[in-house]
C-alpha atoms as a PDB file:
ATOM      1  CA  MET A   1     -42.727  -8.996  -6.953  1.00  0.00           C
ATOM      2  CA  LYS A   2     -43.092 -10.595  -3.539  1.00  0.00           C
ATOM      3  CA  ILE A   3     -43.633 -14.259  -2.699  1.00  0.00           C
ATOM      4  CA  SER A   4     -44.961 -15.137   0.752  1.00  0.00           C
ATOM      5  CA  TYR A   5     -45.822 -18.445   2.373  1.00  0.00           C
ATOM      6  CA  ASP A   6     -48.088 -19.152   5.361  1.00  0.00           C
ATOM      7  CA  PRO A   7     -47.140 -22.561   6.801  1.00  0.00           C
ATOM      8  CA  GLU A   8     -50.169 -22.667   9.122  1.00  0.00           C
ATOM      9  CA  VAL A   9     -52.549 -22.953   6.178  1.00  0.00           C
ATOM     10  CA  ASP A  10     -50.013 -24.098   3.537  1.00  0.00           C
ATOM     11  CA  ALA A  11     -50.797 -21.116   1.287  1.00  0.00           C
ATOM     12  CA  LEU A  12     -48.411 -19.407  -1.114  1.00  0.00           C
ATOM     13  CA  TYR A  13     -49.084 -15.916  -2.482  1.00  0.00           C
ATOM     14  CA  ILE A  14     -47.214 -14.339  -5.374  1.00  0.00           C
ATOM     15  CA  ARG A  15     -47.785 -10.573  -5.482  1.00  0.00           C
ATOM     16  CA  LEU A  16     -46.866  -9.273  -8.906  1.00  0.00           C
ATOM     17  CA  ILE A  17     -47.789  -5.598  -8.464  1.00  0.00           C
ATOM     18  CA  GLU A  18     -47.059  -3.542  -5.339  1.00  0.00           C
ATOM     19  CA  GLY A  19     -49.802  -1.483  -3.727  1.00  0.00           C
ATOM     20  CA  VAL A  20     -53.396  -1.887  -2.619  1.00  0.00           C
ATOM     21  CA  TYR A  21     -55.923  -2.681  -5.325  1.00  0.00           C
ATOM     22  CA  GLU A  22     -59.566  -3.609  -5.451  1.00  0.00           C
ATOM     23  CA  CYS A  23     -59.469  -6.973  -7.191  1.00  0.00           C
ATOM     24  CA  ARG A  24     -61.800  -9.581  -8.485  1.00  0.00           C
ATOM     25  CA  THR A  25     -60.883 -13.212  -7.957  1.00  0.00           C
ATOM     26  CA  LEU A  26     -60.773 -15.673 -10.812  1.00  0.00           C
ATOM     27  CA  ARG A  27     -60.639 -19.257  -9.543  1.00  0.00           C
ATOM     28  CA  LEU A  28     -58.802 -21.667 -11.812  1.00  0.00           C
ATOM     29  CA  ASN A  29     -59.633 -24.602  -9.524  1.00  0.00           C
ATOM     30  CA  GLU A  30     -60.080 -25.241  -5.781  1.00  0.00           C
ATOM     31  CA  GLU A  31     -56.398 -24.571  -5.069  1.00  0.00           C
ATOM     32  CA  ILE A  32     -55.426 -21.738  -7.425  1.00  0.00           C
ATOM     33  CA  ALA A  33     -56.923 -18.249  -7.672  1.00  0.00           C
ATOM     34  CA  LEU A  34     -55.881 -15.179  -9.655  1.00  0.00           C
ATOM     35  CA  ASN A  35     -56.422 -11.664  -8.316  1.00  0.00           C
ATOM     36  CA  ILE A  36     -57.273  -9.364 -11.213  1.00  0.00           C
ATOM     37  CA  GLY A  37     -56.996  -5.616 -10.629  1.00  0.00           C
ATOM     38  CA  PRO A  38     -57.751  -2.450 -12.564  1.00  0.00           C
ATOM     39  CA  ASP A  39     -57.317  -2.629 -16.337  1.00  0.00           C
ATOM     40  CA  GLU A  40     -57.373  -6.450 -16.079  1.00  0.00           C
ATOM     41  CA  LYS A  41     -53.821  -6.537 -14.706  1.00  0.00           C
ATOM     42  CA  LEU A  42     -52.782  -9.648 -12.814  1.00  0.00           C
ATOM     43  CA  VAL A  43     -52.060  -8.468  -9.264  1.00  0.00           C
ATOM     44  CA  GLY A  44     -51.410 -11.793  -7.559  1.00  0.00           C
ATOM     45  CA  ILE A  45     -51.681 -15.565  -7.560  1.00  0.00           C
ATOM     46  CA  GLU A  46     -52.860 -17.538  -4.514  1.00  0.00           C
ATOM     47  CA  ILE A  47     -52.085 -21.231  -4.161  1.00  0.00           C
ATOM     48  CA  ILE A  48     -53.787 -23.218  -1.389  1.00  0.00           C
ATOM     49  CA  ASP A  49     -52.282 -26.605  -0.403  1.00  0.00           C
ATOM     50  CA  ALA A  50     -49.061 -25.281  -1.922  1.00  0.00           C
ATOM     51  CA  LYS A  51     -46.878 -28.213  -0.906  1.00  0.00           C
ATOM     52  CA  GLU A  52     -49.107 -30.645  -2.794  1.00  0.00           C
ATOM     53  CA  VAL A  53     -49.855 -28.410  -5.764  1.00  0.00           C
ATOM     54  CA  LEU A  54     -46.248 -27.337  -6.334  1.00  0.00           C
ATOM     55  CA  GLY A  55     -43.980 -29.939  -4.854  1.00  0.00           C
ATOM     56  CA  SER A  56     -45.434 -33.362  -4.075  1.00  0.00           C
ATOM     57  CA  GLY A  57     -45.436 -32.755  -0.323  1.00  0.00           C
ATOM     58  CA  GLN A  58     -42.761 -30.064  -0.061  1.00  0.00           C
ATOM     59  CA  LEU A  59     -42.191 -26.585  -1.400  1.00  0.00           C
ATOM     60  CA  PRO A  60     -39.999 -26.430  -4.500  1.00  0.00           C
ATOM     61  CA  LYS A  61     -36.711 -24.527  -4.617  1.00  0.00           C
ATOM     62  CA  LEU A  62     -36.960 -20.917  -5.692  1.00  0.00           C
ATOM     63  CA  VAL A  63     -34.626 -19.897  -8.496  1.00  0.00           C
ATOM     64  CA  VAL A  64     -34.359 -16.243  -9.531  1.00  0.00           C
ATOM     65  CA  GLU A  65     -32.731 -15.413 -12.846  1.00  0.00           C
ATOM     66  CA  ASN A  66     -31.958 -12.010 -14.318  1.00  0.00           C
ATOM     67  CA  LEU A  67     -34.036 -10.098 -11.741  1.00  0.00           C
ATOM     68  CA  PRO A  68     -32.647  -7.495  -9.346  1.00  0.00           C
ATOM     69  CA  LEU A  69     -32.866  -8.577  -5.714  1.00  0.00           C
ATOM     70  CA  VAL A  70     -34.010  -6.105  -3.067  1.00  0.00           C
ATOM     71  CA  LYS A  71     -33.285  -6.632   0.641  1.00  0.00           C
ATOM     72  CA  VAL A  72     -36.328  -6.159   2.851  1.00  0.00           C
END
């Protein structure tokens, strides 16, 4: 899993599956979209206006529990 943030456009992307996939996009609303890959697997989640959607003007803290951490 990889979480990336682009401050220029205030967009957060959560990649759940590594690799390159041809995906279809399922829009939940104007700010949130799901990328659905082969076999209907959820590949990623895109959040536009992330500071507003997730944190009332700021990004929330990230807490990781019971997951192995990999240095990049």
